[in-house]
C-alpha cells in the first residue's frame, strides 16, 4: 500500500520539478496546482507505530519538533502587555500552570 503512495507522491513531485500543468495520475490526466503541499506527521516512538519505509521517507524533508519553552512564551506575553517584572512573573505563572495541570482534572 505504501509503495503505491510513494509512486503517486513521486509523480506529483516530478510534475512540480518539471513545471508541468498536467500529470498522469492513476491513468487520468490531472491538473497540477503548483502550490500543492504534502505533509506527514510521524511519531514512531509511541507503542504500535512504525517507521516509514525508506522509499517513502526519501521523498520528504524531516523536521524535528520540540516542546515549546512555556516560560519564554509567557515572559514575552507579559512584556508585550507592559509588565516590568515579566521574567519573575513568567516563572511563577509557569509553575502555577504546571501544578494545575498535574493536580486538577481536565
N, C-alpha and C. Protein backbone atom coordinates (compact mmCIF):
# COMPACT_ATOMS: atom_id res chain seq x y z
N UNK A 1 0.82 -1.19 0.00
CA UNK A 1 0.00 0.00 0.00
C UNK A 1 0.87 1.27 0.00
N UNK A 2 1.88 1.29 0.87
CA UNK A 2 2.73 2.48 0.94
C UNK A 2 3.59 2.67 -0.30
N UNK A 3 3.91 1.59 -1.01
CA UNK A 3 4.69 1.74 -2.25
C UNK A 3 3.85 2.42 -3.32
N UNK A 4 2.53 2.20 -3.32
CA UNK A 4 1.64 2.89 -4.26
C UNK A 4 1.61 4.38 -3.92
N UNK A 5 1.51 4.69 -2.64
CA UNK A 5 1.51 6.09 -2.20
C UNK A 5 2.83 6.75 -2.58
N UNK A 6 3.93 6.04 -2.40
CA UNK A 6 5.25 6.57 -2.75
C UNK A 6 5.33 6.91 -4.24
N UNK A 7 4.81 6.02 -5.09
CA UNK A 7 4.83 6.27 -6.54
C UNK A 7 3.97 7.48 -6.90
N UNK A 8 2.83 7.62 -6.24
CA UNK A 8 1.95 8.75 -6.52
C UNK A 8 2.58 10.08 -6.10
N UNK A 9 3.21 10.09 -4.94
CA UNK A 9 3.88 11.30 -4.47
C UNK A 9 5.05 11.66 -5.39
N UNK A 10 5.79 10.65 -5.83
CA UNK A 10 6.90 10.89 -6.74
C UNK A 10 6.41 11.48 -8.06
N UNK A 11 5.25 11.03 -8.55
CA UNK A 11 4.67 11.58 -9.78
C UNK A 11 4.35 13.06 -9.60
N UNK A 12 3.77 13.41 -8.46
CA UNK A 12 3.44 14.81 -8.17
C UNK A 12 4.71 15.65 -8.07
N UNK A 13 5.71 15.14 -7.34
CA UNK A 13 6.96 15.89 -7.19
C UNK A 13 7.67 16.09 -8.52
N UNK A 14 7.68 15.07 -9.38
CA UNK A 14 8.31 15.22 -10.70
C UNK A 14 7.57 16.26 -11.54
N UNK A 15 6.25 16.26 -11.46
CA UNK A 15 5.46 17.26 -12.17
C UNK A 15 5.81 18.66 -11.71
N UNK A 16 6.01 18.83 -10.41
CA UNK A 16 6.38 20.14 -9.87
C UNK A 16 7.78 20.54 -10.30
N UNK A 17 8.71 19.59 -10.29
CA UNK A 17 10.09 19.88 -10.68
C UNK A 17 10.16 20.34 -12.14
N UNK A 18 9.42 19.65 -13.00
CA UNK A 18 9.46 19.97 -14.44
C UNK A 18 8.39 20.99 -14.84
N UNK A 19 7.75 21.61 -13.83
CA UNK A 19 6.76 22.67 -14.03
C UNK A 19 5.66 22.29 -15.03
N UNK A 20 5.15 21.07 -14.88
CA UNK A 20 4.08 20.61 -15.76
C UNK A 20 2.74 21.17 -15.31
N UNK A 21 1.86 21.38 -16.27
CA UNK A 21 0.50 21.86 -15.97
C UNK A 21 -0.42 20.69 -15.62
N UNK A 22 -0.16 19.52 -16.26
CA UNK A 22 -0.96 18.31 -16.02
C UNK A 22 -0.02 17.13 -15.81
N UNK A 23 -0.48 16.17 -15.02
CA UNK A 23 0.28 14.95 -14.79
C UNK A 23 -0.62 13.75 -15.02
N UNK A 24 0.00 12.61 -15.34
CA UNK A 24 -0.74 11.36 -15.47
C UNK A 24 -0.83 10.74 -14.07
N UNK A 25 -1.97 10.84 -13.45
CA UNK A 25 -2.15 10.37 -12.08
C UNK A 25 -3.20 9.28 -12.09
N UNK A 26 -2.78 8.03 -11.85
CA UNK A 26 -3.67 6.87 -11.86
C UNK A 26 -4.41 6.76 -13.19
N UNK A 27 -3.66 6.88 -14.28
CA UNK A 27 -4.19 6.79 -15.65
C UNK A 27 -5.24 7.85 -15.96
N UNK A 28 -5.16 8.98 -15.30
CA UNK A 28 -6.06 10.10 -15.54
C UNK A 28 -5.22 11.37 -15.64
N UNK A 29 -5.49 12.17 -16.68
CA UNK A 29 -4.82 13.47 -16.76
C UNK A 29 -5.38 14.38 -15.68
N UNK A 30 -4.51 14.86 -14.82
CA UNK A 30 -4.95 15.70 -13.71
C UNK A 30 -4.19 17.00 -13.73
N UNK A 31 -4.92 18.09 -13.48
CA UNK A 31 -4.28 19.41 -13.41
C UNK A 31 -3.44 19.47 -12.14
N UNK A 32 -2.22 19.98 -12.29
CA UNK A 32 -1.30 20.08 -11.14
C UNK A 32 -1.24 21.52 -10.67
N UNK A 33 -1.64 21.74 -9.45
CA UNK A 33 -1.58 23.07 -8.85
C UNK A 33 -0.19 23.24 -8.25
N UNK A 34 0.59 24.24 -8.70
CA UNK A 34 1.99 24.36 -8.27
C UNK A 34 2.19 24.68 -6.79
N UNK A 35 1.17 25.08 -6.09
CA UNK A 35 1.31 25.39 -4.67
C UNK A 35 0.94 24.22 -3.77
N UNK A 36 0.82 23.03 -4.35
CA UNK A 36 0.43 21.85 -3.58
C UNK A 36 1.50 21.53 -2.53
N UNK A 37 1.06 21.03 -1.40
CA UNK A 37 1.98 20.62 -0.35
C UNK A 37 1.54 19.30 0.25
N UNK A 38 2.48 18.43 0.53
CA UNK A 38 2.19 17.13 1.14
C UNK A 38 3.00 17.04 2.41
N UNK A 39 2.32 16.81 3.52
CA UNK A 39 2.99 16.78 4.82
C UNK A 39 2.62 15.48 5.54
N UNK A 40 3.57 14.92 6.26
CA UNK A 40 3.34 13.71 7.05
C UNK A 40 3.76 14.01 8.48
N UNK A 41 2.89 13.71 9.41
CA UNK A 41 3.22 13.85 10.83
C UNK A 41 3.50 12.46 11.39
N UNK A 42 4.68 12.29 11.92
CA UNK A 42 5.09 10.98 12.43
C UNK A 42 5.53 11.11 13.88
N UNK A 43 5.26 10.09 14.64
CA UNK A 43 5.77 9.97 15.99
C UNK A 43 5.98 8.49 16.26
N UNK A 44 7.02 7.89 15.64
CA UNK A 44 7.20 6.45 15.72
C UNK A 44 7.58 5.92 17.10
N UNK A 45 7.88 6.80 18.05
CA UNK A 45 8.26 6.35 19.38
C UNK A 45 7.11 5.78 20.19
N UNK A 46 5.87 6.09 19.81
CA UNK A 46 4.72 5.59 20.55
C UNK A 46 4.47 4.12 20.23
N UNK A 47 3.84 3.42 21.17
CA UNK A 47 3.56 2.00 21.01
C UNK A 47 2.63 1.76 19.82
N UNK A 48 2.94 0.75 19.04
CA UNK A 48 2.09 0.37 17.92
C UNK A 48 2.36 1.14 16.64
N UNK A 49 3.25 2.11 16.66
CA UNK A 49 3.56 2.88 15.45
C UNK A 49 4.90 2.42 14.90
N UNK A 50 5.01 2.49 13.58
CA UNK A 50 6.24 2.04 12.95
C UNK A 50 6.84 3.16 12.10
N UNK A 51 8.06 2.94 11.68
CA UNK A 51 8.77 3.91 10.82
C UNK A 51 8.19 3.86 9.41
N UNK A 52 8.38 4.96 8.68
CA UNK A 52 8.02 4.97 7.26
C UNK A 52 9.04 4.14 6.49
N UNK A 53 8.62 3.47 5.41
CA UNK A 53 9.60 2.76 4.57
C UNK A 53 10.58 3.76 3.96
N UNK A 54 11.79 3.30 3.67
CA UNK A 54 12.84 4.19 3.15
C UNK A 54 12.46 4.87 1.84
N UNK A 55 11.75 4.15 0.95
CA UNK A 55 11.41 4.76 -0.33
C UNK A 55 10.43 5.92 -0.15
N UNK A 56 9.59 5.86 0.85
CA UNK A 56 8.65 6.95 1.13
C UNK A 56 9.34 8.05 1.94
N UNK A 57 10.19 7.65 2.88
CA UNK A 57 10.91 8.61 3.71
C UNK A 57 11.83 9.50 2.87
N UNK A 58 12.37 8.94 1.78
CA UNK A 58 13.29 9.69 0.92
C UNK A 58 12.61 10.84 0.19
N UNK A 59 11.29 10.82 0.11
CA UNK A 59 10.56 11.87 -0.61
C UNK A 59 10.26 13.09 0.24
N UNK A 60 10.54 13.02 1.53
CA UNK A 60 10.20 14.11 2.44
C UNK A 60 11.42 14.62 3.17
N UNK A 61 11.36 15.87 3.57
CA UNK A 61 12.42 16.51 4.34
C UNK A 61 12.01 16.44 5.81
N UNK A 62 12.82 15.83 6.66
CA UNK A 62 12.43 15.73 8.07
C UNK A 62 12.57 17.06 8.81
N UNK A 63 11.65 17.31 9.70
CA UNK A 63 11.68 18.48 10.57
C UNK A 63 11.47 17.98 11.99
N UNK A 64 12.37 18.31 12.87
CA UNK A 64 12.27 17.87 14.25
C UNK A 64 11.50 18.90 15.06
N UNK A 65 10.55 18.44 15.83
CA UNK A 65 9.75 19.32 16.67
C UNK A 65 10.19 19.12 18.13
N UNK A 66 10.17 20.19 18.89
CA UNK A 66 10.49 20.12 20.30
C UNK A 66 9.36 20.77 21.09
N UNK A 67 9.31 20.46 22.35
CA UNK A 67 8.30 21.06 23.21
C UNK A 67 8.62 22.54 23.39
N UNK A 68 7.63 23.42 23.25
CA UNK A 68 7.90 24.85 23.36
C UNK A 68 8.33 25.26 24.77
N UNK A 69 9.13 26.30 24.85
CA UNK A 69 9.59 26.84 26.12
C UNK A 69 8.48 27.75 26.66
N UNK A 70 7.64 27.20 27.52
CA UNK A 70 6.47 27.94 28.00
C UNK A 70 6.87 29.17 28.83
N UNK A 71 7.98 29.09 29.54
CA UNK A 71 8.40 30.24 30.34
C UNK A 71 8.79 31.41 29.44
N UNK A 72 9.48 31.14 28.36
CA UNK A 72 9.87 32.18 27.42
C UNK A 72 8.65 32.79 26.73
N UNK A 73 7.70 31.94 26.36
CA UNK A 73 6.47 32.43 25.73
C UNK A 73 5.69 33.31 26.70
N UNK A 74 5.56 32.85 27.94
CA UNK A 74 4.84 33.61 28.97
C UNK A 74 5.54 34.94 29.25
N UNK A 75 6.86 34.91 29.32
CA UNK A 75 7.63 36.13 29.57
C UNK A 75 7.40 37.16 28.46
N UNK A 76 7.42 36.71 27.22
CA UNK A 76 7.19 37.62 26.09
C UNK A 76 5.77 38.18 26.10
N UNK A 77 4.80 37.35 26.44
CA UNK A 77 3.42 37.83 26.50
C UNK A 77 3.27 38.89 27.59
N UNK A 78 3.88 38.64 28.75
CA UNK A 78 3.81 39.61 29.84
C UNK A 78 4.53 40.91 29.49
N UNK A 79 5.70 40.80 28.85
CA UNK A 79 6.43 42.01 28.44
C UNK A 79 5.62 42.82 27.43
N UNK A 80 4.94 42.13 26.52
CA UNK A 80 4.17 42.84 25.50
C UNK A 80 2.96 43.56 26.10
N UNK A 81 2.54 43.13 27.28
CA UNK A 81 1.44 43.80 27.99
C UNK A 81 1.94 44.88 28.94
N UNK A 82 3.27 45.06 29.04
CA UNK A 82 3.81 46.15 29.83
C UNK A 82 4.29 45.78 31.22
N UNK A 83 4.36 44.50 31.56
CA UNK A 83 4.84 44.11 32.88
C UNK A 83 6.35 44.29 32.95
N UNK A 84 6.82 45.00 33.97
CA UNK A 84 8.26 45.27 34.09
C UNK A 84 9.01 44.10 34.72
N UNK A 85 8.34 43.30 35.51
CA UNK A 85 8.97 42.13 36.16
C UNK A 85 8.52 40.85 35.44
N UNK A 86 8.53 40.87 34.13
CA UNK A 86 7.99 39.77 33.34
C UNK A 86 8.71 38.45 33.59
N UNK A 87 10.04 38.50 33.75
CA UNK A 87 10.81 37.26 33.93
C UNK A 87 10.40 36.55 35.23
N UNK A 88 10.27 37.30 36.31
CA UNK A 88 9.89 36.72 37.60
C UNK A 88 8.45 36.20 37.55
N UNK A 89 7.56 37.01 36.97
CA UNK A 89 6.16 36.60 36.86
C UNK A 89 6.00 35.38 35.96
N UNK A 90 6.77 35.30 34.88
CA UNK A 90 6.67 34.17 33.96
C UNK A 90 7.04 32.88 34.67
N UNK A 91 8.09 32.93 35.49
CA UNK A 91 8.48 31.72 36.23
C UNK A 91 7.37 31.29 37.17
N UNK A 92 6.77 32.24 37.87
CA UNK A 92 5.68 31.91 38.80
C UNK A 92 4.45 31.38 38.05
N UNK A 93 4.14 31.98 36.90
CA UNK A 93 2.97 31.55 36.14
C UNK A 93 3.16 30.14 35.59
N UNK A 94 4.35 29.84 35.07
CA UNK A 94 4.56 28.50 34.51
C UNK A 94 4.55 27.44 35.60
N UNK A 95 5.05 27.76 36.78
CA UNK A 95 4.98 26.82 37.91
C UNK A 95 3.51 26.60 38.29
N UNK A 96 2.73 27.68 38.31
CA UNK A 96 1.30 27.58 38.62
C UNK A 96 0.57 26.69 37.61
N UNK A 97 0.83 26.90 36.32
CA UNK A 97 0.19 26.08 35.28
C UNK A 97 0.62 24.62 35.37
N UNK A 98 1.90 24.40 35.68
CA UNK A 98 2.39 23.02 35.79
C UNK A 98 1.71 22.31 36.95
N UNK A 99 1.63 22.97 38.09
CA UNK A 99 0.96 22.37 39.25
C UNK A 99 -0.53 22.14 38.98
N UNK A 100 -1.15 23.09 38.29
CA UNK A 100 -2.58 22.95 37.96
C UNK A 100 -2.80 21.76 37.03
N UNK A 101 -1.94 21.62 36.05
CA UNK A 101 -2.07 20.51 35.09
C UNK A 101 -1.90 19.16 35.80
N UNK A 102 -0.99 19.11 36.78
CA UNK A 102 -0.73 17.85 37.47
C UNK A 102 -1.81 17.50 38.49
N UNK A 103 -2.40 18.51 39.14
CA UNK A 103 -3.27 18.22 40.27
C UNK A 103 -4.75 18.38 40.00
N UNK A 104 -5.12 19.09 38.93
CA UNK A 104 -6.53 19.29 38.64
C UNK A 104 -7.00 18.35 37.54
N UNK A 105 -8.28 18.02 37.55
CA UNK A 105 -8.82 17.19 36.48
C UNK A 105 -9.08 18.07 35.25
N UNK A 106 -9.24 17.44 34.10
CA UNK A 106 -9.48 18.21 32.88
C UNK A 106 -10.81 18.91 32.96
